[in-house]
Amino acid sequence: MADAAANAYTSIRDDIVTGRLNRGEWLREGKLAQELGVSRTPIREALRRLEAEGLVEFAPNRGAQVTAWSALELEDLYQIRARLESLAARLAAARREPEDIAELEATATRMAELAADPNADRDELTELNNHFHRAVVLAARSRHLGTQLRGIIDIPLIARTFHKYAPERIRISAAQHLELVAAIRAGDGDWADALMQAHILAARSVMVPTTNR
């Protein structure tokens, strides 16, 4: 049963984060159980776990649905993310290992290559972007900070930011990633902190106005 609940959690979470399940979409236990080949009990456990992460919300007498974030809530989330992830960048500059730099540089370089093409695959860019930000958090080597940030970075509208960007904005973002790598490699916490905060708040300026209020 535990494995079934864990598998259901992973499957539903992936569908939410990748946008296959839309914000506000109802999550019917019976339908999900049939699709995943399990009983309703592990589905219910998975949905409660996703509720704890803020990805699912329950409405009285109606069931569960994918969380639909308001513009005000997204504004708060970006402000929180800017504070926490800038701290992660600062810690990464102090605690990074050679393999961290190699991973960050490879990801940022690939993003820059894709960003040069106006018709680049947005899904690949999105995956690389999310991987880069998770790699910064891992390089910070702070379990508690990582736990806090995971719930924010994986919110669908935030995770899929690049789908809202114009080509020029993508190029700017990719260049900022390369500069972040340079700051972390140099061990300059102040530089890394300031860069990350500006980077996240720039994303907020694009995303929050496009969200239904």
Foldseek 3Di string as FASTA:
>chain_A
DVVLLVVLLVVVLVCQLQCVFPAFAADDLVVSCVVSVHHSVSNVSSQVVCVVLVQWDADPPRGIGGHADALVRVVVLLVVLLQLLLVLLLLLLQQADPVLLVLLQVLLVVLLVQLVDQPRDLVVNLVSVLVNSLSSNVSSVDPVSSVVVVSRCSRNLNSSLSVQDGSVVSNVLSVLSNVSSVCSPNSPSVSNSVSSSVSSVVSSVRRSVVGHD
